[in-house]
Amino acid sequence: MKIALLADIHSNYVALEACLHYIDSNHFDGIVFLGDYISDCPYPQKKLNL
């Protein structure tokens, strides 16, 4: 079972999109998010829509 761990995204939409693409392309079974999803960095609203 492959589990992806994500943490400290801090509203970085571009990085999150790249991570999600990698996870999807490599057939992970699940994602565990460890925190710090939204902050005052660019694109906070756009990231919420992912």
C-alpha atoms as a PDB file:
ATOM      1  CA  MET A   1       0.000   0.000   0.000  1.00  0.00           C
ATOM      2  CA  LYS A   2       1.393   3.394  -1.013  1.00  0.00           C
ATOM      3  CA  ILE A   3       0.462   6.358   1.171  1.00  0.00           C
ATOM      4  CA  ALA A   4       1.455   9.910   0.235  1.00  0.00           C
ATOM      5  CA  LEU A   5       2.263  12.338   3.044  1.00  0.00           C
ATOM      6  CA  LEU A   6       1.682  16.047   2.461  1.00  0.00           C
ATOM      7  CA  ALA A   7       2.522  18.888   4.835  1.00  0.00           C
ATOM      8  CA  ASP A   8       3.314  22.607   4.921  1.00  0.00           C
ATOM      9  CA  ILE A   9       1.600  23.528   1.658  1.00  0.00           C
ATOM     10  CA  HIS A  10       1.020  27.117   2.904  1.00  0.00           C
ATOM     11  CA  SER A  11      -1.275  28.025  -0.002  1.00  0.00           C
ATOM     12  CA  ASN A  12       1.343  27.121  -2.619  1.00  0.00           C
ATOM     13  CA  TYR A  13      -1.100  26.199  -5.375  1.00  0.00           C
ATOM     14  CA  VAL A  14       1.555  25.345  -7.952  1.00  0.00           C
ATOM     15  CA  ALA A  15       3.360  22.929  -5.619  1.00  0.00           C
ATOM     16  CA  LEU A  16       0.118  21.315  -4.458  1.00  0.00           C
ATOM     17  CA  GLU A  17      -1.025  20.794  -8.031  1.00  0.00           C
ATOM     18  CA  ALA A  18       2.321  19.163  -8.878  1.00  0.00           C
ATOM     19  CA  CYS A  19       2.114  16.897  -5.815  1.00  0.00           C
ATOM     20  CA  LEU A  20      -1.436  15.821  -6.619  1.00  0.00           C
ATOM     21  CA  HIS A  21      -0.457  15.090 -10.212  1.00  0.00           C
ATOM     22  CA  TYR A  22       2.482  12.979  -8.998  1.00  0.00           C
ATOM     23  CA  ILE A  23       0.262  11.109  -6.540  1.00  0.00           C
ATOM     24  CA  ASP A  24      -2.349  10.439  -9.220  1.00  0.00           C
ATOM     25  CA  SER A  25       0.230   9.379 -11.818  1.00  0.00           C
ATOM     26  CA  ASN A  26       1.930   6.960  -9.440  1.00  0.00           C
ATOM     27  CA  HIS A  27      -1.233   5.258  -8.168  1.00  0.00           C
ATOM     28  CA  PHE A  28      -1.000   5.996  -4.450  1.00  0.00           C
ATOM     29  CA  ASP A  29      -3.673   4.336  -2.319  1.00  0.00           C
ATOM     30  CA  GLY A  30      -4.240   7.287  -0.017  1.00  0.00           C
ATOM     31  CA  ILE A  31      -3.103  10.686   1.189  1.00  0.00           C
ATOM     32  CA  VAL A  32      -2.384  11.775   4.740  1.00  0.00           C
ATOM     33  CA  PHE A  33      -2.252  15.527   5.213  1.00  0.00           C
ATOM     34  CA  LEU A  34      -0.192  16.720   8.179  1.00  0.00           C
ATOM     35  CA  GLY A  35      -1.267  20.366   8.329  1.00  0.00           C
ATOM     36  CA  ASP A  36      -0.563  23.959   7.276  1.00  0.00           C
ATOM     37  CA  TYR A  37      -2.778  23.991   4.197  1.00  0.00           C
ATOM     38  CA  ILE A  38      -3.764  27.673   3.936  1.00  0.00           C
ATOM     39  CA  SER A  39      -1.701  30.762   4.726  1.00  0.00           C
ATOM     40  CA  ASP A  40      -1.106  34.247   3.366  1.00  0.00           C
ATOM     41  CA  CYS A  41       0.826  32.966   0.339  1.00  0.00           C
ATOM     42  CA  PRO A  42      -0.428  33.325  -3.254  1.00  0.00           C
ATOM     43  CA  TYR A  43      -3.658  31.654  -4.430  1.00  0.00           C
ATOM     44  CA  PRO A  44      -5.323  30.622  -1.132  1.00  0.00           C
ATOM     45  CA  GLN A  45      -8.834  30.574  -2.660  1.00  0.00           C
ATOM     46  CA  LYS A  46      -7.727  28.769  -5.804  1.00  0.00           C
ATOM     47  CA  LYS A  47      -6.202  26.009  -3.709  1.00  0.00           C
ATOM     48  CA  LEU A  48      -9.378  25.498  -1.700  1.00  0.00           C
ATOM     49  CA  ASN A  49     -11.102  24.580  -4.953  1.00  0.00           C
ATOM     50  CA  LEU A  50      -8.706  21.653  -5.553  1.00  0.00           C
END
